[in-house]
Amino acid sequence: MQNIKNFFVLTVLMFVAASMVFAGGKSDSGSDGGKANLLVSVWAGPHADLQKQVSRDYTAGNITVDDVDYGNLKQKQLTSFQAVSGSGNYDVVWVNSQWMKEYVDAGYIIPIDDFIKSAGVDLNIYAKGLLDGCVFDGKTYGLPTFAQTLILAYDSDAFTKAGVKVPTNAEELVQAAQYFKQHGSGIAIPARQGTAAVTLFSQLLFSDGGYYFDRNGKLAINSPEAIYAATVYDRLVDNAVQGALAWHHDETAEAVRMRNAPIGTIMSGLANQNADPERSKIVNTVKYAPLAGKSGKAAATNSFWVWAVAKNSANPSAAANYCVWMSSPATEKKQTLADQQISAINSLSTDPEVLSKAPFLPVVMEQLANGRIDPPLVSFNALKADLVVSLSEIATTNASPADVLGRLQKKYENTDFTK
């Protein structure tokens, strides 16, 4: 039975490999003219076409890029990990940061420290908050790229005319929102029941040194830092632009760039739209600031992707070299200039050419360097789903943030959060 199952998996993978879109070369993991043939798995977002284009410049190997829609990407990677090495399985996988622990624990991807050392890569070139999400038990399992975080975008003309100070901490942000609310607008935030609200809460929590667990690994969803973050969220909702209770990230960003709100918490991946005159009324007046906590420190809820090497790659050395090349300063710069995606390379935040295209980058990199990721645990998913509902209750009722989070703490206080 096991042999039949293996034969079926192998047949499916060989069929898939034969139908893939090429960035150059063959779909096997052997060699062609001395060059390795690598099969690369990526998410089929708008960036995938750019990744294929950039990969054509990779001279050390023949790269086949298989871009898969997000809903099917993880399952296809998991199937590939079960295949026999060299049978059409993936050599390189583009991994969502939230999947990294699962892949490491299962042994699906391998440490690449020796390859990094051989290539002479200085890991200090990467934002620490992102690189930390690639390291488990002191071993590096990939290199970070394509990050996103919430930042503040604001219309500088509106602030100048109003005489309002650009916020440098959470209290000042609430005060600015109150002023503009009293004068007919308010702040734009994603207050619809969903994960966007959790992202905003997490960044406020992380910025003040808080986390979902205490130093002993015990749930701390009702810690002073968590209650403060939820209270700020509640106050921002009270002073939000009309309609914000129905908004996710896209609607929030649109409200700012169309001057329906003088300031908003926008996802960095949408910031490039502010410079598009066909989509924005603030092309010449938009500026950016960190989304800081009470102390003034700003920390991201780090969401990013990782270039990693599959354990069953027939050529792990060549696969690691491709990961190093794709996440190198030169290759990342080329992609950033093309579509303003956020890399993990610290130096790009001060590169004049890059800043002309992505002026929001210094703010993003500051937050990413201080950032943390939400716990990549299966057991955390249920808590997160309930946190979505809890934040919606805080936003739409007079319920006390401390009481709401207290109930959440009690519900999950005996949950095992080690898995």
Protein backbone atom coordinates (compact mmCIF):
# COMPACT_ATOMS: atom_id res chain seq x y z
CA MET A 1 0.00 0.00 0.00
CA GLN A 2 2.84 2.38 0.90
CA ASN A 3 4.53 1.67 -2.45
CA ILE A 4 1.30 2.46 -4.29
CA LYS A 5 0.96 5.71 -2.35
CA ASN A 6 4.55 6.70 -3.12
CA PHE A 7 4.03 5.89 -6.79
CA PHE A 8 0.90 8.06 -6.87
CA VAL A 9 2.64 11.03 -5.21
CA LEU A 10 5.60 10.66 -7.55
CA THR A 11 3.36 10.53 -10.62
CA VAL A 12 1.46 13.66 -9.57
CA LEU A 13 4.64 15.61 -8.90
CA MET A 14 6.19 14.59 -12.22
CA PHE A 15 3.05 15.72 -14.03
CA VAL A 16 3.04 19.05 -12.16
CA ALA A 17 6.71 19.64 -12.87
CA ALA A 18 6.18 19.03 -16.56
CA SER A 19 3.50 21.72 -16.71
CA MET A 20 5.34 24.45 -14.84
CA VAL A 21 6.21 27.91 -16.08
CA PHE A 22 9.94 28.22 -16.74
CA ALA A 23 12.19 31.03 -15.68
CA GLY A 24 14.87 29.13 -17.58
CA GLY A 25 16.24 25.59 -17.67
CA LYS A 26 14.74 22.20 -16.92
CA SER A 27 12.47 21.07 -14.12
CA ASP A 28 14.68 18.33 -12.71
CA SER A 29 17.31 18.78 -10.02
CA GLY A 30 20.18 17.36 -11.99
CA SER A 31 22.60 19.43 -14.01
CA ASP A 32 22.65 20.88 -17.50
CA GLY A 33 25.95 22.03 -18.93
CA GLY A 34 27.44 22.16 -15.45
CA LYS A 35 24.57 24.25 -14.04
CA ALA A 36 22.13 23.00 -11.45
CA ASN A 37 18.47 22.74 -12.42
CA LEU A 38 16.39 24.02 -9.52
CA LEU A 39 12.64 23.87 -8.99
CA VAL A 40 11.40 26.84 -6.95
CA SER A 41 8.02 27.19 -5.21
CA VAL A 42 6.57 30.71 -4.76
CA TRP A 43 3.25 32.40 -4.07
CA ALA A 44 1.51 33.49 -7.27
CA GLY A 45 0.99 37.09 -6.27
CA PRO A 46 1.81 40.06 -8.54
CA HIS A 47 5.45 39.74 -7.48
CA ALA A 48 5.79 36.23 -8.96
CA ASP A 49 6.20 37.51 -12.51
CA LEU A 50 8.99 39.78 -11.29
CA GLN A 51 10.65 36.86 -9.52
CA LYS A 52 10.61 34.88 -12.75
CA GLN A 53 12.08 37.81 -14.64
CA VAL A 54 14.81 38.39 -12.07
CA SER A 55 15.64 34.68 -11.95
CA ARG A 56 16.57 34.77 -15.63
CA ASP A 57 19.63 36.77 -14.57
CA TYR A 58 20.81 33.98 -12.28
CA THR A 59 23.83 32.57 -14.09
CA ALA A 60 24.78 29.81 -11.65
CA GLY A 61 21.78 27.60 -12.40
CA ASN A 62 18.67 26.96 -14.46
CA ILE A 63 15.62 28.06 -12.49
CA THR A 64 12.06 26.82 -12.91
CA VAL A 65 9.57 28.89 -10.93
CA ASP A 66 6.28 27.27 -9.95
CA ASP A 67 3.92 30.02 -8.80
CA VAL A 68 0.88 28.73 -6.93
CA ASP A 69 -2.12 30.65 -5.55
CA TYR A 70 -1.91 31.25 -1.82
CA GLY A 71 -4.79 28.94 -0.97
CA ASN A 72 -2.99 25.93 -2.45
CA LEU A 73 0.65 26.90 -1.91
CA LYS A 74 1.24 25.31 1.49
CA GLN A 75 -0.44 22.03 0.59
CA LYS A 76 1.57 21.76 -2.60
CA GLN A 77 4.79 22.37 -0.68
CA LEU A 78 3.80 19.75 1.91
CA THR A 79 3.17 17.21 -0.87
CA SER A 80 6.53 17.98 -2.41
CA PHE A 81 8.32 17.43 0.91
CA GLN A 82 7.08 13.80 0.88
CA ALA A 83 8.47 13.02 -2.57
CA VAL A 84 11.63 11.13 -3.40
CA SER A 85 14.60 13.43 -3.96
CA GLY A 86 15.14 14.23 -7.63
CA SER A 87 11.64 13.19 -8.66
CA GLY A 88 10.35 16.65 -9.53
CA ASN A 89 10.13 17.86 -5.93
CA TYR A 90 10.91 21.44 -4.94
CA ASP A 91 14.51 22.45 -4.22
CA VAL A 92 13.69 25.95 -2.94
CA VAL A 93 10.52 26.97 -1.14
CA TRP A 94 9.26 30.49 -0.47
CA VAL A 95 7.83 30.07 3.04
CA ASN A 96 5.36 32.30 4.87
CA SER A 97 6.95 33.29 8.18
CA GLN A 98 4.02 31.75 10.07
CA TRP A 99 4.83 28.33 8.57
CA MET A 100 8.50 28.31 9.48
CA LYS A 101 8.28 26.61 12.88
CA GLU A 102 6.02 23.88 11.51
CA TYR A 103 8.42 23.21 8.63
CA VAL A 104 11.46 23.21 10.92
CA ASP A 105 9.84 20.92 13.51
CA ALA A 106 8.81 18.47 10.78
CA GLY A 107 12.27 18.49 9.21
CA TYR A 108 10.99 19.74 5.86
CA ILE A 109 13.65 22.43 5.46
CA ILE A 110 17.32 22.39 6.39
CA PRO A 111 19.71 24.75 8.22
CA ILE A 112 21.81 26.75 5.77
CA ASP A 113 24.46 28.18 8.10
CA ASP A 114 27.32 26.32 6.42
CA PHE A 115 26.21 27.51 2.98
CA ILE A 116 25.87 31.08 4.25
CA LYS A 117 29.38 30.92 5.70
CA SER A 118 30.81 29.51 2.46
CA ALA A 119 29.14 32.31 0.50
CA GLY A 120 30.60 34.92 2.85
CA VAL A 121 27.23 36.41 3.76
CA ASP A 122 27.14 38.82 6.70
CA LEU A 123 23.78 38.19 8.37
CA ASN A 124 23.91 41.68 9.90
CA ILE A 125 22.72 43.07 6.56
CA TYR A 126 19.22 41.83 7.42
CA ALA A 127 16.72 43.48 9.77
CA LYS A 128 17.13 41.66 13.07
CA GLY A 129 13.40 41.33 13.69
CA LEU A 130 13.05 39.43 10.42
CA LEU A 131 16.18 37.33 10.64
CA ASP A 132 15.13 36.20 14.13
CA GLY A 133 12.07 34.61 12.54
CA CYS A 134 14.38 32.37 10.47
CA VAL A 135 16.48 31.11 13.39
CA PHE A 136 15.47 28.11 15.49
CA ASP A 137 17.66 26.58 18.20
CA GLY A 138 20.56 28.72 17.02
CA LYS A 139 20.37 27.50 13.42
CA THR A 140 19.41 29.59 10.38
CA TYR A 141 16.76 27.92 8.22
CA GLY A 142 16.34 30.58 5.55
CA LEU A 143 16.78 34.21 4.56
CA PRO A 144 14.02 36.81 4.96
CA THR A 145 12.39 38.92 2.25
CA PHE A 146 9.11 40.58 1.18
CA ALA A 147 8.03 42.07 4.51
CA GLN A 148 4.98 44.11 5.45
CA THR A 149 3.95 46.14 8.46
CA LEU A 150 1.46 48.83 9.47
CA ILE A 151 2.81 52.38 9.35
CA LEU A 152 1.33 55.86 9.64
CA ALA A 153 0.65 57.72 6.42
CA TYR A 154 -0.55 61.31 6.65
CA ASP A 155 -1.35 64.37 4.56
CA SER A 156 1.30 66.88 5.63
CA ASP A 157 -0.79 69.81 4.30
CA ALA A 158 -3.68 68.87 6.58
CA PHE A 159 -1.40 68.73 9.62
CA THR A 160 0.30 72.04 8.76
CA LYS A 161 -3.01 73.86 8.26
CA ALA A 162 -4.43 72.42 11.49
CA GLY A 163 -1.26 73.10 13.47
CA VAL A 164 -1.33 69.53 14.75
CA LYS A 165 1.88 67.78 15.75
CA VAL A 166 2.79 64.64 13.85
CA PRO A 167 2.36 61.80 16.40
CA THR A 168 5.49 60.29 17.92
CA ASN A 169 3.74 57.95 20.36
CA ALA A 170 0.36 56.33 20.98
CA GLU A 171 -1.01 59.14 23.16
CA GLU A 172 -0.16 61.77 20.56
CA LEU A 173 -1.77 59.60 17.88
CA VAL A 174 -5.01 59.47 19.84
CA GLN A 175 -4.86 63.25 20.39
CA ALA A 176 -4.40 63.90 16.67
CA ALA A 177 -7.28 61.56 15.87
CA GLN A 178 -9.47 63.39 18.41
CA TYR A 179 -8.68 66.77 16.88
CA PHE A 180 -9.53 65.68 13.34
CA LYS A 181 -12.64 63.84 14.51
CA GLN A 182 -13.87 67.01 16.18
CA HIS A 183 -13.29 68.84 12.91
CA GLY A 184 -15.22 66.44 10.69
CA SER A 185 -12.92 63.56 9.74
CA GLY A 186 -10.71 61.46 12.07
CA ILE A 187 -8.20 58.68 11.68
CA ALA A 188 -8.46 55.81 9.20
CA ILE A 189 -7.95 52.38 10.77
CA PRO A 190 -8.99 48.82 9.82
CA ALA A 191 -11.67 48.27 12.46
CA ARG A 192 -13.73 45.60 10.70
CA GLN A 193 -13.94 42.30 12.58
CA GLY A 194 -10.93 40.45 11.21
CA THR A 195 -7.19 39.91 11.37
CA ALA A 196 -6.32 43.49 10.35
CA ALA A 197 -7.55 44.71 13.74
CA VAL A 198 -5.40 42.07 15.45
CA THR A 199 -2.37 43.32 13.52
CA LEU A 200 -2.96 46.85 14.80
CA PHE A 201 -3.40 45.55 18.34
CA SER A 202 -0.24 43.44 18.07
CA GLN A 203 1.90 46.35 16.93
CA LEU A 204 0.73 48.52 19.80
CA LEU A 205 1.40 45.61 22.15
CA PHE A 206 4.88 44.84 20.80
CA SER A 207 5.87 48.50 20.71
CA ASP A 208 5.53 48.73 24.49
CA GLY A 209 7.50 45.56 25.10
CA GLY A 210 4.49 43.34 25.56
CA TYR A 211 3.77 39.95 24.01
CA TYR A 212 1.10 37.29 24.11
CA PHE A 213 3.09 35.25 26.63
CA ASP A 214 5.19 36.19 29.63
CA ARG A 215 8.84 35.23 30.13
CA ASN A 216 7.78 31.82 31.45
CA GLY A 217 5.70 31.06 28.37
CA LYS A 218 2.38 31.61 30.16
CA LEU A 219 -0.48 33.39 28.42
CA ALA A 220 -0.50 37.13 29.20
CA ILE A 221 -3.33 38.47 27.08
CA ASN A 222 -4.52 40.60 30.01
CA SER A 223 -1.11 42.04 30.90
CA PRO A 224 -0.87 45.82 31.50
CA GLU A 225 0.72 46.21 28.05
CA ALA A 226 -2.09 44.24 26.38
CA ILE A 227 -4.80 46.19 28.18
CA TYR A 228 -3.14 49.46 27.19
CA ALA A 229 -2.89 48.34 23.54
CA ALA A 230 -6.58 47.38 23.52
CA THR A 231 -7.50 50.68 25.18
CA VAL A 232 -5.62 52.68 22.55
CA TYR A 233 -7.34 50.64 19.86
CA ASP A 234 -10.70 51.47 21.46
CA ARG A 235 -9.87 55.19 21.58
CA LEU A 236 -8.75 55.18 17.95
CA VAL A 237 -12.02 53.55 16.91
CA ASP A 238 -13.92 56.24 18.81
CA ASN A 239 -12.07 58.87 16.79
CA ALA A 240 -12.04 57.11 13.44
CA VAL A 241 -13.49 58.31 10.16
CA GLN A 242 -17.10 57.30 9.64
CA GLY A 243 -17.22 53.88 8.04
CA ALA A 244 -14.00 52.52 9.59
CA LEU A 245 -15.90 49.74 11.35
CA ALA A 246 -16.36 48.16 7.91
CA TRP A 247 -12.77 48.66 6.73
CA HIS A 248 -9.88 46.28 6.19
CA HIS A 249 -6.41 47.37 4.96
CA ASP A 250 -7.46 48.31 1.42
CA GLU A 251 -10.26 50.65 2.49
CA THR A 252 -8.07 52.26 5.15
CA ALA A 253 -5.31 53.06 2.64
CA GLU A 254 -7.84 54.40 0.15
CA ALA A 255 -9.35 56.76 2.72
CA VAL A 256 -5.94 58.35 3.33
CA ARG A 257 -4.86 58.71 -0.28
CA MET A 258 -8.26 60.13 -1.31
CA ARG A 259 -8.11 62.72 1.51
CA ASN A 260 -11.11 61.29 3.34
CA ALA A 261 -8.82 60.98 6.35
CA PRO A 262 -5.76 63.15 7.08
CA ILE A 263 -3.95 60.21 8.74
CA GLY A 264 -4.26 56.44 8.84
CA THR A 265 -2.58 53.17 9.75
CA ILE A 266 -1.82 51.63 6.38
CA MET A 267 -0.14 48.41 5.35
CA SER A 268 3.28 49.22 3.88
CA GLY A 269 2.57 47.10 0.82
CA LEU A 270 -0.10 49.62 -0.19
CA ALA A 271 2.05 52.73 0.33
CA ASN A 272 3.23 52.82 -3.29
CA GLN A 273 -0.33 53.70 -4.34
CA ASN A 274 0.04 57.08 -2.63
CA ALA A 275 2.45 58.16 -5.38
CA ASP A 276 0.09 57.19 -8.21
CA PRO A 277 -1.66 60.35 -9.47
CA GLU A 278 -4.48 58.28 -10.92
CA ARG A 279 -5.24 56.77 -7.52
CA SER A 280 -4.11 59.41 -5.03
CA LYS A 281 -4.82 63.02 -4.10
CA ILE A 282 -1.82 63.26 -1.78
CA VAL A 283 0.99 62.50 -4.24
CA ASN A 284 2.90 65.66 -3.29
CA THR A 285 1.89 65.92 0.35
CA VAL A 286 2.01 62.39 1.76
CA LYS A 287 4.52 61.66 4.51
CA TYR A 288 5.14 58.72 6.80
CA ALA A 289 5.78 58.12 10.50
CA PRO A 290 6.22 55.11 12.77
CA LEU A 291 3.20 53.60 14.48
CA ALA A 292 4.62 53.87 17.98
CA GLY A 293 3.49 52.74 21.40
CA LYS A 294 3.26 54.74 24.61
CA SER A 295 7.03 54.96 24.96
CA GLY A 296 7.60 56.17 21.41
CA LYS A 297 9.21 52.91 20.30
CA ALA A 298 7.69 51.38 17.17
CA ALA A 299 7.70 47.63 16.59
CA ALA A 300 6.12 45.79 13.71
CA THR A 301 3.98 42.71 13.70
CA ASN A 302 6.44 41.13 11.32
CA SER A 303 4.88 39.43 8.35
CA PHE A 304 7.35 38.27 5.74
CA TRP A 305 8.52 35.44 3.49
CA VAL A 306 11.60 33.27 3.68
CA TRP A 307 13.80 31.69 1.01
CA ALA A 308 14.47 28.16 2.31
CA VAL A 309 15.96 24.88 1.08
CA ALA A 310 13.86 21.70 1.03
CA LYS A 311 15.40 18.76 2.86
CA ASN A 312 14.78 16.46 -0.11
CA SER A 313 16.46 18.75 -2.63
CA ALA A 314 18.86 16.79 -4.83
CA ASN A 315 21.26 19.74 -4.76
CA PRO A 316 20.97 21.62 -1.44
CA SER A 317 24.19 23.57 -2.01
CA ALA A 318 22.94 24.99 -5.32
CA ALA A 319 19.53 25.64 -3.77
CA ALA A 320 21.12 27.57 -0.88
CA ASN A 321 23.21 29.61 -3.30
CA TYR A 322 20.04 30.63 -5.14
CA CYS A 323 18.45 31.67 -1.81
CA VAL A 324 21.51 33.77 -1.01
CA TRP A 325 21.40 35.40 -4.45
CA MET A 326 17.67 36.17 -4.35
CA SER A 327 18.00 37.80 -0.93
CA SER A 328 21.22 39.68 -1.71
CA PRO A 329 21.32 43.50 -1.65
CA ALA A 330 21.66 43.80 -5.44
CA THR A 331 18.77 41.44 -6.28
CA GLU A 332 16.53 42.85 -3.56
CA LYS A 333 17.24 46.39 -4.75
CA LYS A 334 16.24 45.47 -8.29
CA GLN A 335 12.90 44.15 -7.03
CA THR A 336 12.31 47.09 -4.72
CA LEU A 337 12.87 49.56 -7.54
CA ALA A 338 10.50 47.59 -9.76
CA ASP A 339 7.51 47.32 -7.42
CA GLN A 340 8.47 48.94 -4.07
CA GLN A 341 8.36 45.64 -2.20
CA ILE A 342 10.00 45.70 1.22
CA SER A 343 13.14 43.64 1.52
CA ALA A 344 14.97 42.73 4.73
CA ILE A 345 18.14 44.56 3.68
CA ASN A 346 18.93 47.38 6.13
CA SER A 347 21.11 49.38 3.72
CA LEU A 348 18.28 49.88 1.22
CA SER A 349 16.51 52.18 3.68
CA THR A 350 19.25 54.79 3.09
CA ASP A 351 19.83 54.19 -0.62
CA PRO A 352 18.91 57.47 -2.44
CA GLU A 353 17.71 55.67 -5.56
CA VAL A 354 15.46 53.38 -3.55
CA LEU A 355 14.15 56.22 -1.38
CA SER A 356 13.08 58.14 -4.48
CA LYS A 357 10.76 55.22 -5.24
CA ALA A 358 9.88 54.17 -1.69
CA PRO A 359 10.14 57.13 0.74
CA PHE A 360 8.32 55.12 3.40
CA LEU A 361 11.14 52.57 3.65
CA PRO A 362 13.06 54.08 6.63
CA VAL A 363 9.91 53.96 8.75
CA VAL A 364 9.23 50.37 7.71
CA MET A 365 12.77 49.20 8.43
CA GLU A 366 12.77 50.86 11.87
CA GLN A 367 9.66 48.93 12.81
CA LEU A 368 10.80 45.65 11.30
CA ALA A 369 14.08 45.81 13.21
CA ASN A 370 12.15 46.06 16.49
CA GLY A 371 9.36 43.75 15.43
CA ARG A 372 8.15 40.32 16.45
CA ILE A 373 5.93 37.77 14.78
CA ASP A 374 2.67 36.48 16.18
CA PRO A 375 3.25 33.06 17.80
CA PRO A 376 3.58 30.54 14.92
CA LEU A 377 1.69 27.90 16.88
CA VAL A 378 -1.34 25.83 15.92
CA SER A 379 -2.67 26.34 19.45
CA PHE A 380 -2.48 30.13 19.00
CA ASN A 381 -4.91 30.09 16.07
CA ALA A 382 -7.95 29.51 18.28
CA LEU A 383 -6.92 32.32 20.62
CA LYS A 384 -6.36 34.63 17.65
CA ALA A 385 -9.84 33.86 16.31
CA ASP A 386 -11.33 34.77 19.68
CA LEU A 387 -9.16 37.90 19.85
CA VAL A 388 -10.71 39.01 16.55
CA VAL A 389 -14.13 38.78 18.18
CA SER A 390 -12.91 40.44 21.38
CA LEU A 391 -11.51 43.45 19.55
CA SER A 392 -14.77 43.76 17.64
CA GLU A 393 -16.63 43.79 20.97
CA ILE A 394 -14.31 46.51 22.26
CA ALA A 395 -14.82 48.55 19.09
CA THR A 396 -18.60 48.30 18.90
CA THR A 397 -19.73 48.28 22.55
CA ASN A 398 -18.97 50.02 25.82
CA ALA A 399 -17.27 46.93 27.19
CA SER A 400 -14.09 47.57 29.16
CA PRO A 401 -10.93 46.38 27.35
CA ALA A 402 -9.65 45.02 30.67
CA ASP A 403 -12.83 42.98 31.20
CA VAL A 404 -12.86 41.63 27.64
CA LEU A 405 -9.22 40.56 27.75
CA GLY A 406 -9.71 39.17 31.26
CA ARG A 407 -12.40 36.81 29.94
CA LEU A 408 -10.09 35.77 27.12
CA GLN A 409 -7.27 35.08 29.58
CA LYS A 410 -9.55 32.91 31.72
CA LYS A 411 -10.82 30.94 28.72
CA TYR A 412 -7.34 29.99 27.55
CA GLU A 413 -5.32 29.99 30.78
CA ASN A 414 -5.05 26.17 30.79
CA THR A 415 -4.29 25.80 27.08
CA ASP A 416 -0.97 24.21 26.12
CA PHE A 417 0.77 26.86 24.02
CA THR A 418 3.90 24.85 23.34
CA LYS A 419 2.60 23.38 20.07
